[in-house]
Amino acid sequence: MSTLRGVPGTSAQGDSAARHPYVPGVIGDTPLVELTRLAPHPGVRLLGKLETTNPSGSSKDRIAQAMIDVAEHRGLIAPGDTIVEPTSGNTGIALAMICCLRGYRLVAVIPENATAERMAMLEAFGAEIVPTDGARGSAGAIEVAERIAAQHRLYMPYQYGNPANPAAHWATTAREILRDCPQIDVFVAGIGSGGTLTGCARRFRKHARPITVIGCEPVPGHHIDGLRNLGDGFVPPVLDLRLLDNRHVVTSDQAAAMSRRLALEEGIFVGPSSGAVMHTCVQVAASLATGTVIGMLFDGGWKYLSQGLTAPDEGPLTGRVPTGGADVRRS
């Protein structure tokens, strides 16, 4: 594993990254990491955009800051106001962090089956949690949040329909990728709110060389936190499907298995949505003779420990492993 800014093995951030007067100042400028052990053959370079280095641990810090900035600029909110937002976890956590810094109260409407770690982080940043029917997923959370916003006349950023979402990725994520790896051939991100794919694709379309943009989504009936299958009937308004060159489906088992591979082979512990992205990246890379494939690593796996993300696959290394005459039990 090596960080990348044009040259493998070099630091992705300079000395100016050492001090910041304000936590949101360190949002973005996340490193690209070369994943040499996962690359299927030497002709292809495989890299991950490591968003876990953002302050709240996910790429959603980018859009949370952007949505609040725009709302403040337009006079839609002022310190002391209450904001409500439907979330599966990361956007709510990021908004809660920004809100507590700027003097807002956040009501996070979240499916009741979200992990305990994400619920705890929302509480740590002072958010009020409104749980919704887990079986209805983010669609149910959206309905409840819209009702709360209407009844109490609260501002709702609504990541799924807020233009500031893709605009943040156009201005930051895509710019960073092109700056650090202008030779990119393929970009892969998960289909969640649609902001990352739409914002990055818009900027990539103006790049000097063509870049294939691929979205990955769960197989129908499978659950991968943070991602959605568009066949379920809800297409986020900010997602411009015309910008996608292809869509790949991933099972929940494939996503979890790749999350474990990233930890064991590359030393990067990420959540299941990142596992889904990297599973897709490896498949795409295997089909290429040469090229550079970059995938988004959205958040850290520690937010999903209570889901059993670290449970080992069944195989010859499960149980007792003889090592130098001694038995070592894997936990």
C-alpha atoms as a PDB file:
ATOM      1  CA  MET A   1       0.000   0.000   0.000  1.00  0.00           C
ATOM      2  CA  SER A   2       1.366   3.423  -0.905  1.00  0.00           C
ATOM      3  CA  THR A   3      -0.151   6.878  -1.004  1.00  0.00           C
ATOM      4  CA  LEU A   4      -0.200   8.676  -4.314  1.00  0.00           C
ATOM      5  CA  ARG A   5       0.029  12.198  -5.560  1.00  0.00           C
ATOM      6  CA  GLY A   6       1.355  11.666  -9.029  1.00  0.00           C
ATOM      7  CA  VAL A   7       4.237   9.488  -7.784  1.00  0.00           C
ATOM      8  CA  PRO A   8       3.746   6.217  -5.855  1.00  0.00           C
ATOM      9  CA  GLY A   9       5.201   6.280  -2.371  1.00  0.00           C
ATOM     10  CA  THR A  10       4.917  10.036  -1.940  1.00  0.00           C
ATOM     11  CA  SER A  11       2.772  11.764   0.653  1.00  0.00           C
ATOM     12  CA  ALA A  12      -0.638  12.959  -0.487  1.00  0.00           C
ATOM     13  CA  GLN A  13      -0.453  16.057   1.724  1.00  0.00           C
ATOM     14  CA  GLY A  14       2.269  18.612   2.237  1.00  0.00           C
ATOM     15  CA  ASP A  15       3.480  20.459   5.306  1.00  0.00           C
ATOM     16  CA  SER A  16       0.471  22.813   5.124  1.00  0.00           C
ATOM     17  CA  ALA A  17      -1.693  19.910   6.345  1.00  0.00           C
ATOM     18  CA  ALA A  18       0.022  19.979   9.745  1.00  0.00           C
ATOM     19  CA  ARG A  19      -2.085  22.751  11.344  1.00  0.00           C
ATOM     20  CA  HIS A  20      -5.674  23.902  10.894  1.00  0.00           C
ATOM     21  CA  PRO A  21      -7.538  26.397  13.085  1.00  0.00           C
ATOM     22  CA  TYR A  22     -10.921  24.741  12.491  1.00  0.00           C
ATOM     23  CA  VAL A  23     -11.931  21.074  12.114  1.00  0.00           C
ATOM     24  CA  PRO A  24     -13.823  21.529   8.798  1.00  0.00           C
ATOM     25  CA  GLY A  25     -10.565  22.828   7.366  1.00  0.00           C
ATOM     26  CA  VAL A  26      -9.324  19.243   7.123  1.00  0.00           C
ATOM     27  CA  ILE A  27     -12.324  17.984   5.151  1.00  0.00           C
ATOM     28  CA  GLY A  28     -11.215  16.664   1.770  1.00  0.00           C
ATOM     29  CA  ASP A  29      -7.739  16.323   0.264  1.00  0.00           C
ATOM     30  CA  THR A  30      -7.967  12.651   1.111  1.00  0.00           C
ATOM     31  CA  PRO A  31      -5.211  10.353  -0.168  1.00  0.00           C
ATOM     32  CA  LEU A  32      -5.274   7.950  -3.058  1.00  0.00           C
ATOM     33  CA  VAL A  33      -3.861   4.610  -1.973  1.00  0.00           C
ATOM     34  CA  GLU A  34      -2.362   2.115  -4.413  1.00  0.00           C
ATOM     35  CA  LEU A  35      -3.780  -1.368  -3.767  1.00  0.00           C
ATOM     36  CA  THR A  36      -1.040  -3.563  -5.184  1.00  0.00           C
ATOM     37  CA  ARG A  37      -2.158  -6.788  -3.511  1.00  0.00           C
ATOM     38  CA  LEU A  38      -5.705  -6.577  -4.847  1.00  0.00           C
ATOM     39  CA  ALA A  39      -4.720  -5.682  -8.405  1.00  0.00           C
ATOM     40  CA  PRO A  40      -5.560  -8.757 -10.532  1.00  0.00           C
ATOM     41  CA  HIS A  41      -2.474  -8.493 -12.762  1.00  0.00           C
ATOM     42  CA  PRO A  42       0.569  -6.226 -13.240  1.00  0.00           C
ATOM     43  CA  GLY A  43      -0.857  -4.395 -16.252  1.00  0.00           C
ATOM     44  CA  VAL A  44      -3.541  -2.648 -14.172  1.00  0.00           C
ATOM     45  CA  ARG A  45      -3.170  -0.143 -11.370  1.00  0.00           C
ATOM     46  CA  LEU A  46      -5.862  -0.248  -8.677  1.00  0.00           C
ATOM     47  CA  LEU A  47      -6.299   2.688  -6.299  1.00  0.00           C
ATOM     48  CA  GLY A  48      -8.708   3.649  -3.519  1.00  0.00           C
ATOM     49  CA  LYS A  49      -9.768   7.175  -2.531  1.00  0.00           C
ATOM     50  CA  LEU A  50      -9.453   6.925   1.252  1.00  0.00           C
ATOM     51  CA  GLU A  51     -12.343   9.009   2.625  1.00  0.00           C
ATOM     52  CA  THR A  52     -11.956   7.629   6.146  1.00  0.00           C
ATOM     53  CA  THR A  53      -9.430  10.412   6.817  1.00  0.00           C
ATOM     54  CA  ASN A  54     -12.220  13.007   6.908  1.00  0.00           C
ATOM     55  CA  PRO A  55     -13.001  14.294  10.447  1.00  0.00           C
ATOM     56  CA  SER A  56     -16.169  12.234  11.029  1.00  0.00           C
ATOM     57  CA  GLY A  57     -14.757   9.296   9.093  1.00  0.00           C
ATOM     58  CA  SER A  58     -16.598   9.396   5.771  1.00  0.00           C
ATOM     59  CA  SER A  59     -16.971  11.154   2.433  1.00  0.00           C
ATOM     60  CA  LYS A  60     -20.227  12.700   3.675  1.00  0.00           C
ATOM     61  CA  ASP A  61     -18.275  15.418   5.487  1.00  0.00           C
ATOM     62  CA  ARG A  62     -17.835  17.027   2.067  1.00  0.00           C
ATOM     63  CA  ILE A  63     -21.540  17.351   1.317  1.00  0.00           C
ATOM     64  CA  ALA A  64     -22.594  18.188   4.880  1.00  0.00           C
ATOM     65  CA  GLN A  65     -20.335  21.219   4.898  1.00  0.00           C
ATOM     66  CA  ALA A  66     -21.447  22.239   1.404  1.00  0.00           C
ATOM     67  CA  MET A  67     -25.182  21.930   2.130  1.00  0.00           C
ATOM     68  CA  ILE A  68     -24.913  23.995   5.324  1.00  0.00           C
ATOM     69  CA  ASP A  69     -22.708  26.598   3.591  1.00  0.00           C
ATOM     70  CA  VAL A  70     -25.265  27.060   0.806  1.00  0.00           C
ATOM     71  CA  ALA A  71     -28.217  27.202   3.212  1.00  0.00           C
ATOM     72  CA  GLU A  72     -26.477  29.855   5.314  1.00  0.00           C
ATOM     73  CA  HIS A  73     -25.515  31.874   2.248  1.00  0.00           C
ATOM     74  CA  ARG A  74     -29.124  31.852   1.055  1.00  0.00           C
ATOM     75  CA  GLY A  75     -30.454  32.861   4.465  1.00  0.00           C
ATOM     76  CA  LEU A  76     -32.402  29.631   4.908  1.00  0.00           C
ATOM     77  CA  ILE A  77     -30.925  28.935   8.358  1.00  0.00           C
ATOM     78  CA  ALA A  78     -29.271  30.819  11.192  1.00  0.00           C
ATOM     79  CA  PRO A  79     -27.527  29.651  14.389  1.00  0.00           C
ATOM     80  CA  GLY A  80     -30.085  28.360  16.884  1.00  0.00           C
ATOM     81  CA  ASP A  81     -32.284  26.769  14.213  1.00  0.00           C
ATOM     82  CA  THR A  82     -33.208  23.097  14.117  1.00  0.00           C
ATOM     83  CA  ILE A  83     -32.391  21.065  11.016  1.00  0.00           C
ATOM     84  CA  VAL A  84     -33.914  17.693  10.125  1.00  0.00           C
ATOM     85  CA  GLU A  85     -32.395  15.141   7.737  1.00  0.00           C
ATOM     86  CA  PRO A  86     -33.146  11.543   6.684  1.00  0.00           C
ATOM     87  CA  THR A  87     -29.988   9.449   6.791  1.00  0.00           C
ATOM     88  CA  SER A  88     -28.649   5.913   6.857  1.00  0.00           C
ATOM     89  CA  GLY A  89     -25.878   7.141   9.137  1.00  0.00           C
ATOM     90  CA  ASN A  90     -22.908   8.882   7.570  1.00  0.00           C
ATOM     91  CA  THR A  91     -24.645  12.028   6.284  1.00  0.00           C
ATOM     92  CA  GLY A  92     -26.379  12.439   9.624  1.00  0.00           C
ATOM     93  CA  ILE A  93     -23.096  12.026  11.484  1.00  0.00           C
ATOM     94  CA  ALA A  94     -21.364  14.555   9.236  1.00  0.00           C
ATOM     95  CA  LEU A  95     -24.229  17.041   9.561  1.00  0.00           C
ATOM     96  CA  ALA A  96     -24.282  16.568  13.340  1.00  0.00           C
ATOM     97  CA  MET A  97     -20.581  17.435  13.476  1.00  0.00           C
ATOM     98  CA  ILE A  98     -21.048  20.594  11.367  1.00  0.00           C
ATOM     99  CA  CYS A  99     -24.212  21.578  13.255  1.00  0.00           C
ATOM    100  CA  CYS A 100     -22.636  21.364  16.693  1.00  0.00           C
ATOM    101  CA  LEU A 101     -19.771  23.579  15.477  1.00  0.00           C
ATOM    102  CA  ARG A 102     -22.092  26.204  13.991  1.00  0.00           C
ATOM    103  CA  GLY A 103     -24.804  26.339  16.614  1.00  0.00           C
ATOM    104  CA  TYR A 104     -27.600  24.279  15.069  1.00  0.00           C
ATOM    105  CA  ARG A 105     -29.664  21.419  16.469  1.00  0.00           C
ATOM    106  CA  LEU A 106     -29.965  18.345  14.262  1.00  0.00           C
ATOM    107  CA  VAL A 107     -32.821  15.851  14.179  1.00  0.00           C
ATOM    108  CA  ALA A 108     -31.537  12.732  12.417  1.00  0.00           C
ATOM    109  CA  VAL A 109     -34.255  10.468  11.021  1.00  0.00           C
ATOM    110  CA  ILE A 110     -32.666   7.053  10.604  1.00  0.00           C
ATOM    111  CA  PRO A 111     -33.838   3.451  10.107  1.00  0.00           C
ATOM    112  CA  GLU A 112     -33.940   1.625  13.424  1.00  0.00           C
ATOM    113  CA  ASN A 113     -31.677  -1.149  12.104  1.00  0.00           C
ATOM    114  CA  ALA A 114     -28.707   1.178  11.591  1.00  0.00           C
ATOM    115  CA  THR A 115     -25.669  -0.045  13.504  1.00  0.00           C
ATOM    116  CA  ALA A 116     -25.193   0.849  17.150  1.00  0.00           C
ATOM    117  CA  GLU A 117     -21.905   2.545  16.272  1.00  0.00           C
ATOM    118  CA  ARG A 118     -23.595   5.029  13.935  1.00  0.00           C
ATOM    119  CA  MET A 119     -26.350   5.714  16.458  1.00  0.00           C
ATOM    120  CA  ALA A 120     -23.714   6.359  19.129  1.00  0.00           C
ATOM    121  CA  MET A 121     -21.810   8.769  16.887  1.00  0.00           C
ATOM    122  CA  LEU A 122     -24.967  10.759  16.198  1.00  0.00           C
ATOM    123  CA  GLU A 123     -25.548  11.058  19.929  1.00  0.00           C
ATOM    124  CA  ALA A 124     -21.906  11.997  20.530  1.00  0.00           C
ATOM    125  CA  PHE A 125     -22.320  14.995  18.209  1.00  0.00           C
ATOM    126  CA  GLY A 126     -25.546  16.015  19.956  1.00  0.00           C
ATOM    127  CA  ALA A 127     -28.116  14.901  17.385  1.00  0.00           C
ATOM    128  CA  GLU A 128     -31.651  13.936  18.334  1.00  0.00           C
ATOM    129  CA  ILE A 129     -32.448  10.542  16.798  1.00  0.00           C
ATOM    130  CA  VAL A 130     -35.848   9.659  15.358  1.00  0.00           C
ATOM    131  CA  PRO A 131     -35.837   5.931  14.476  1.00  0.00           C
ATOM    132  CA  THR A 132     -38.003   4.656  11.628  1.00  0.00           C
ATOM    133  CA  ASP A 133     -39.139   1.243  10.411  1.00  0.00           C
ATOM    134  CA  GLY A 134     -35.990  -0.618   9.393  1.00  0.00           C
ATOM    135  CA  ALA A 135     -37.876  -2.717   6.855  1.00  0.00           C
ATOM    136  CA  ARG A 136     -38.673   0.432   4.867  1.00  0.00           C
ATOM    137  CA  GLY A 137     -35.051   1.567   4.755  1.00  0.00           C
ATOM    138  CA  SER A 138     -34.134   5.063   3.636  1.00  0.00           C
ATOM    139  CA  ALA A 139     -37.478   5.519   1.836  1.00  0.00           C
ATOM    140  CA  GLY A 140     -39.262   5.296   5.179  1.00  0.00           C
ATOM    141  CA  ALA A 141     -36.795   7.695   6.789  1.00  0.00           C
ATOM    142  CA  ILE A 142     -37.358  10.208   3.981  1.00  0.00           C
ATOM    143  CA  GLU A 143     -41.134  10.121   4.460  1.00  0.00           C
ATOM    144  CA  VAL A 144     -40.884  10.679   8.216  1.00  0.00           C
ATOM    145  CA  ALA A 145     -38.311  13.469   7.834  1.00  0.00           C
ATOM    146  CA  GLU A 146     -40.461  15.251   5.255  1.00  0.00           C
ATOM    147  CA  ARG A 147     -43.434  15.053   7.594  1.00  0.00           C
ATOM    148  CA  ILE A 148     -41.432  16.443  10.539  1.00  0.00           C
ATOM    149  CA  ALA A 149     -40.033  19.252   8.383  1.00  0.00           C
ATOM    150  CA  ALA A 150     -43.511  20.229   7.169  1.00  0.00           C
ATOM    151  CA  GLN A 151     -45.187  20.032  10.580  1.00  0.00           C
ATOM    152  CA  HIS A 152     -42.532  22.041  12.403  1.00  0.00           C
ATOM    153  CA  ARG A 153     -41.343  24.212   9.492  1.00  0.00           C
ATOM    154  CA  LEU A 154     -37.777  22.976   9.767  1.00  0.00           C
ATOM    155  CA  TYR A 155     -35.069  23.195   7.148  1.00  0.00           C
ATOM    156  CA  MET A 156     -34.179  19.846   5.578  1.00  0.00           C
ATOM    157  CA  PRO A 157     -30.977  19.778   3.487  1.00  0.00           C
ATOM    158  CA  TYR A 158     -32.202  16.571   1.780  1.00  0.00           C
ATOM    159  CA  GLN A 159     -28.999  15.103   0.402  1.00  0.00           C
ATOM    160  CA  TYR A 160     -30.933  13.094  -2.196  1.00  0.00           C
ATOM    161  CA  GLY A 161     -32.213  16.223  -3.935  1.00  0.00           C
ATOM    162  CA  ASN A 162     -29.797  18.979  -2.936  1.00  0.00           C
ATOM    163  CA  PRO A 163     -27.621  20.261  -5.829  1.00  0.00           C
ATOM    164  CA  ALA A 164     -24.915  21.123  -3.286  1.00  0.00           C
ATOM    165  CA  ASN A 165     -24.311  17.370  -2.930  1.00  0.00           C
ATOM    166  CA  PRO A 166     -22.948  16.674  -6.442  1.00  0.00           C
ATOM    167  CA  ALA A 167     -21.489  20.182  -6.575  1.00  0.00           C
ATOM    168  CA  ALA A 168     -19.283  19.369  -3.572  1.00  0.00           C
ATOM    169  CA  HIS A 169     -17.885  16.304  -5.334  1.00  0.00           C
ATOM    170  CA  TRP A 170     -17.411  18.254  -8.580  1.00  0.00           C
ATOM    171  CA  ALA A 171     -15.460  20.933  -6.697  1.00  0.00           C
ATOM    172  CA  THR A 172     -13.407  18.675  -4.416  1.00  0.00           C
ATOM    173  CA  THR A 173     -13.450  14.899  -4.932  1.00  0.00           C
ATOM    174  CA  ALA A 174     -13.140  14.907  -8.729  1.00  0.00           C
ATOM    175  CA  ARG A 175     -10.624  17.747  -8.701  1.00  0.00           C
ATOM    176  CA  GLU A 176      -8.427  15.901  -6.216  1.00  0.00           C
ATOM    177  CA  ILE A 177      -8.547  12.676  -8.244  1.00  0.00           C
ATOM    178  CA  LEU A 178      -7.586  14.414 -11.495  1.00  0.00           C
ATOM    179  CA  ARG A 179      -4.832  16.341  -9.746  1.00  0.00           C
ATOM    180  CA  ASP A 180      -3.360  13.274  -8.059  1.00  0.00           C
ATOM    181  CA  CYS A 181      -3.888  10.726 -10.849  1.00  0.00           C
ATOM    182  CA  PRO A 182      -4.605  12.375 -14.233  1.00  0.00           C
ATOM    183  CA  GLN A 183      -4.036   9.008 -15.937  1.00  0.00           C
ATOM    184  CA  ILE A 184      -7.263   7.539 -14.497  1.00  0.00           C
ATOM    185  CA  ASP A 185      -9.200   5.315 -16.924  1.00  0.00           C
ATOM    186  CA  VAL A 186     -12.084   3.999 -14.790  1.00  0.00           C
ATOM    187  CA  PHE A 187     -13.897   5.467 -11.771  1.00  0.00           C
ATOM    188  CA  VAL A 188     -16.159   3.363  -9.548  1.00  0.00           C
ATOM    189  CA  ALA A 189     -18.460   4.571  -6.770  1.00  0.00           C
ATOM    190  CA  GLY A 190     -21.503   3.176  -5.023  1.00  0.00           C
ATOM    191  CA  ILE A 191     -25.049   4.261  -5.824  1.00  0.00           C
ATOM    192  CA  GLY A 192     -26.353   5.868  -2.650  1.00  0.00           C
ATOM    193  CA  SER A 193     -27.545   9.458  -2.810  1.00  0.00           C
ATOM    194  CA  GLY A 194     -25.963   9.709  -6.265  1.00  0.00           C
ATOM    195  CA  GLY A 195     -23.939  12.811  -5.461  1.00  0.00           C
ATOM    196  CA  THR A 196     -20.466  11.281  -5.761  1.00  0.00           C
ATOM    197  CA  LEU A 197     -21.141   9.671  -9.140  1.00  0.00           C
ATOM    198  CA  THR A 198     -22.929  12.685 -10.620  1.00  0.00           C
ATOM    199  CA  GLY A 199     -20.509  15.329  -9.383  1.00  0.00           C
ATOM    200  CA  CYS A 200     -17.376  13.419 -10.327  1.00  0.00           C
ATOM    201  CA  ALA A 201     -18.730  12.332 -13.716  1.00  0.00           C
ATOM    202  CA  ARG A 202     -19.586  15.907 -14.654  1.00  0.00           C
ATOM    203  CA  ARG A 203     -16.022  16.998 -14.038  1.00  0.00           C
ATOM    204  CA  PHE A 204     -14.507  13.897 -15.631  1.00  0.00           C
ATOM    205  CA  ARG A 205     -16.436  14.578 -18.861  1.00  0.00           C
ATOM    206  CA  LYS A 206     -14.237  17.644 -19.375  1.00  0.00           C
ATOM    207  CA  HIS A 207     -10.963  15.796 -18.741  1.00  0.00           C
ATOM    208  CA  ALA A 208      -8.424  15.480 -21.559  1.00  0.00           C
ATOM    209  CA  ARG A 209      -8.835  11.691 -21.715  1.00  0.00           C
ATOM    210  CA  PRO A 210     -12.021   9.613 -21.541  1.00  0.00           C
ATOM    211  CA  ILE A 211     -12.913   8.185 -18.118  1.00  0.00           C
ATOM    212  CA  THR A 212     -15.390   5.342 -17.738  1.00  0.00           C
ATOM    213  CA  VAL A 213     -17.775   5.934 -14.808  1.00  0.00           C
ATOM    214  CA  ILE A 214     -19.349   2.885 -13.152  1.00  0.00           C
ATOM    215  CA  GLY A 215     -21.909   2.764 -10.358  1.00  0.00           C
ATOM    216  CA  CYS A 216     -22.330  -0.299  -8.158  1.00  0.00           C
ATOM    217  CA  GLU A 217     -25.514  -1.278  -6.366  1.00  0.00           C
ATOM    218  CA  PRO A 218     -26.768  -4.233  -4.319  1.00  0.00           C
ATOM    219  CA  VAL A 219     -28.318  -7.241  -5.998  1.00  0.00           C
ATOM    220  CA  PRO A 220     -32.122  -6.924  -5.605  1.00  0.00           C
ATOM    221  CA  GLY A 221     -33.104  -8.170  -2.164  1.00  0.00           C
ATOM    222  CA  HIS A 222     -29.587  -7.736  -0.725  1.00  0.00           C
ATOM    223  CA  HIS A 223     -28.719  -5.075   1.847  1.00  0.00           C
ATOM    224  CA  ILE A 224     -25.463  -3.115   1.718  1.00  0.00           C
ATOM    225  CA  ASP A 225     -25.369  -0.161   4.101  1.00  0.00           C
ATOM    226  CA  GLY A 226     -25.217   3.146   2.261  1.00  0.00           C
ATOM    227  CA  LEU A 227     -26.152   1.729  -1.162  1.00  0.00           C
ATOM    228  CA  ARG A 228     -29.461   1.217  -2.942  1.00  0.00           C
ATOM    229  CA  ASN A 229     -30.737  -0.844  -5.843  1.00  0.00           C
ATOM    230  CA  LEU A 230     -32.504   1.519  -8.226  1.00  0.00           C
ATOM    231  CA  GLY A 231     -34.980  -1.211  -9.066  1.00  0.00           C
ATOM    232  CA  ASP A 232     -36.558  -0.641  -5.664  1.00  0.00           C
ATOM    233  CA  GLY A 233     -38.305   2.363  -7.186  1.00  0.00           C
ATOM    234  CA  PHE A 234     -36.485   5.371  -5.742  1.00  0.00           C
ATOM    235  CA  VAL A 235     -33.989   7.180  -7.963  1.00  0.00           C
ATOM    236  CA  PRO A 236     -32.423  10.093  -6.035  1.00  0.00           C
ATOM    237  CA  PRO A 237     -33.117  13.375  -7.872  1.00  0.00           C
ATOM    238  CA  VAL A 238     -29.427  14.346  -7.832  1.00  0.00           C
ATOM    239  CA  LEU A 239     -28.388  11.124  -9.593  1.00  0.00           C
ATOM    240  CA  ASP A 240     -27.964  11.742 -13.323  1.00  0.00           C
ATOM    241  CA  LEU A 241     -28.025   8.254 -14.828  1.00  0.00           C
ATOM    242  CA  ARG A 242     -27.036   9.633 -18.237  1.00  0.00           C
ATOM    243  CA  LEU A 243     -23.519  10.188 -16.857  1.00  0.00           C
ATOM    244  CA  LEU A 244     -22.993   6.525 -15.947  1.00  0.00           C
ATOM    245  CA  ASP A 245     -21.325   4.263 -18.495  1.00  0.00           C
ATOM    246  CA  ASN A 246     -22.310   1.107 -16.647  1.00  0.00           C
ATOM    247  CA  ARG A 247     -23.833  -0.284 -13.470  1.00  0.00           C
ATOM    248  CA  HIS A 248     -22.650  -3.424 -11.648  1.00  0.00           C
ATOM    249  CA  VAL A 249     -24.549  -5.375  -8.989  1.00  0.00           C
ATOM    250  CA  VAL A 250     -22.869  -6.834  -5.907  1.00  0.00           C
ATOM    251  CA  THR A 251     -24.163  -9.264  -3.282  1.00  0.00           C
ATOM    252  CA  SER A 252     -23.953  -8.430   0.408  1.00  0.00           C
ATOM    253  CA  ASP A 253     -21.590 -11.380   0.905  1.00  0.00           C
ATOM    254  CA  GLN A 254     -19.270 -10.144  -1.843  1.00  0.00           C
ATOM    255  CA  ALA A 255     -19.180  -6.671  -0.292  1.00  0.00           C
ATOM    256  CA  ALA A 256     -18.382  -8.012   3.193  1.00  0.00           C
ATOM    257  CA  ALA A 257     -15.755 -10.422   1.862  1.00  0.00           C
ATOM    258  CA  MET A 258     -13.954  -7.626   0.030  1.00  0.00           C
ATOM    259  CA  SER A 259     -14.047  -5.432   3.133  1.00  0.00           C
ATOM    260  CA  ARG A 260     -12.232  -8.225   4.972  1.00  0.00           C
ATOM    261  CA  ARG A 261      -9.747  -8.653   2.100  1.00  0.00           C
ATOM    262  CA  LEU A 262      -8.933  -4.948   2.198  1.00  0.00           C
ATOM    263  CA  ALA A 263      -8.188  -5.217   5.916  1.00  0.00           C
ATOM    264  CA  LEU A 264      -6.117  -8.397   5.700  1.00  0.00           C
ATOM    265  CA  GLU A 265      -4.269  -7.719   2.450  1.00  0.00           C
ATOM    266  CA  GLU A 266      -3.963  -3.931   2.313  1.00  0.00           C
ATOM    267  CA  GLY A 267      -4.327  -2.900   5.960  1.00  0.00           C
ATOM    268  CA  ILE A 268      -7.402  -0.745   5.228  1.00  0.00           C
ATOM    269  CA  PHE A 269     -10.528  -1.376   7.297  1.00  0.00           C
ATOM    270  CA  VAL A 270     -13.587  -0.077   5.452  1.00  0.00           C
ATOM    271  CA  GLY A 271     -17.343  -0.507   5.521  1.00  0.00           C
ATOM    272  CA  PRO A 272     -19.445  -2.745   3.269  1.00  0.00           C
ATOM    273  CA  SER A 273     -20.228  -0.055   0.678  1.00  0.00           C
ATOM    274  CA  SER A 274     -16.492   0.347   0.106  1.00  0.00           C
ATOM    275  CA  GLY A 275     -16.210  -3.426  -0.133  1.00  0.00           C
ATOM    276  CA  ALA A 276     -18.865  -3.382  -2.855  1.00  0.00           C
ATOM    277  CA  VAL A 277     -16.997  -0.672  -4.738  1.00  0.00           C
ATOM    278  CA  MET A 278     -13.676  -2.486  -4.548  1.00  0.00           C
ATOM    279  CA  HIS A 279     -15.257  -5.808  -5.546  1.00  0.00           C
ATOM    280  CA  THR A 280     -16.465  -4.023  -8.687  1.00  0.00           C
ATOM    281  CA  CYS A 281     -13.046  -2.420  -9.215  1.00  0.00           C
ATOM    282  CA  VAL A 282     -11.292  -5.795  -9.106  1.00  0.00           C
ATOM    283  CA  GLN A 283     -13.777  -7.286 -11.584  1.00  0.00           C
ATOM    284  CA  VAL A 284     -13.367  -4.360 -13.971  1.00  0.00           C
ATOM    285  CA  ALA A 285      -9.578  -4.351 -13.611  1.00  0.00           C
ATOM    286  CA  ALA A 286      -9.438  -8.064 -14.441  1.00  0.00           C
ATOM    287  CA  SER A 287     -11.157  -7.339 -17.766  1.00  0.00           C
ATOM    288  CA  LEU A 288      -8.561  -4.748 -18.798  1.00  0.00           C
ATOM    289  CA  ALA A 289      -5.175  -5.419 -20.348  1.00  0.00           C
ATOM    290  CA  THR A 290      -3.822  -2.116 -19.025  1.00  0.00           C
ATOM    291  CA  GLY A 291      -5.221   0.898 -17.245  1.00  0.00           C
ATOM    292  CA  THR A 292      -5.840   2.678 -13.967  1.00  0.00           C
ATOM    293  CA  VAL A 293      -8.980   2.004 -11.908  1.00  0.00           C
ATOM    294  CA  ILE A 294      -9.944   4.190  -8.937  1.00  0.00           C
ATOM    295  CA  GLY A 295     -12.680   3.354  -6.432  1.00  0.00           C
ATOM    296  CA  MET A 296     -14.203   5.315  -3.566  1.00  0.00           C
ATOM    297  CA  LEU A 297     -13.526   3.967  -0.066  1.00  0.00           C
ATOM    298  CA  PHE A 298     -16.378   5.806   1.627  1.00  0.00           C
ATOM    299  CA  ASP A 299     -16.023   5.084   5.335  1.00  0.00           C
ATOM    300  CA  GLY A 300     -14.380   2.981   8.041  1.00  0.00           C
ATOM    301  CA  GLY A 301     -15.355  -0.541   8.970  1.00  0.00           C
ATOM    302  CA  TRP A 302     -15.448   0.245  12.683  1.00  0.00           C
ATOM    303  CA  LYS A 303     -18.957   1.683  12.172  1.00  0.00           C
ATOM    304  CA  TYR A 304     -20.158  -1.835  11.316  1.00  0.00           C
ATOM    305  CA  LEU A 305     -18.449  -4.008  13.914  1.00  0.00           C
ATOM    306  CA  SER A 306     -21.756  -4.886  15.554  1.00  0.00           C
ATOM    307  CA  GLN A 307     -22.946  -6.337  12.221  1.00  0.00           C
ATOM    308  CA  GLY A 308     -20.183  -8.937  12.305  1.00  0.00           C
ATOM    309  CA  LEU A 309     -18.210  -7.381   9.453  1.00  0.00           C
ATOM    310  CA  THR A 310     -14.984  -8.897  10.794  1.00  0.00           C
ATOM    311  CA  ALA A 311     -16.340 -12.465  11.028  1.00  0.00           C
ATOM    312  CA  PRO A 312     -13.877 -14.668   9.096  1.00  0.00           C
ATOM    313  CA  ASP A 313     -14.922 -16.553   6.006  1.00  0.00           C
ATOM    314  CA  GLU A 314     -15.146 -20.304   6.408  1.00  0.00           C
ATOM    315  CA  GLY A 315     -11.975 -21.963   5.235  1.00  0.00           C
ATOM    316  CA  PRO A 316      -8.778 -23.762   6.213  1.00  0.00           C
ATOM    317  CA  LEU A 317      -7.583 -20.874   8.411  1.00  0.00           C
ATOM    318  CA  THR A 318     -10.668 -20.853  10.611  1.00  0.00           C
ATOM    319  CA  GLY A 319     -10.160 -22.574  13.951  1.00  0.00           C
ATOM    320  CA  ARG A 320      -6.780 -23.920  15.016  1.00  0.00           C
ATOM    321  CA  VAL A 321      -3.767 -23.057  12.918  1.00  0.00           C
ATOM    322  CA  PRO A 322      -0.486 -24.901  13.625  1.00  0.00           C
ATOM    323  CA  THR A 323       2.388 -22.430  13.772  1.00  0.00           C
ATOM    324  CA  GLY A 324       5.867 -23.593  14.696  1.00  0.00           C
ATOM    325  CA  GLY A 325       4.576 -26.515  16.744  1.00  0.00           C
ATOM    326  CA  ALA A 326       2.136 -24.346  18.704  1.00  0.00           C
ATOM    327  CA  ASP A 327      -1.596 -24.015  18.180  1.00  0.00           C
ATOM    328  CA  VAL A 328      -2.817 -20.483  17.601  1.00  0.00           C
ATOM    329  CA  ARG A 329      -6.551 -19.856  17.802  1.00  0.00           C
ATOM    330  CA  ARG A 330      -7.896 -17.148  15.569  1.00  0.00           C
ATOM    331  CA  SER A 331     -10.430 -14.944  17.315  1.00  0.00           C
END
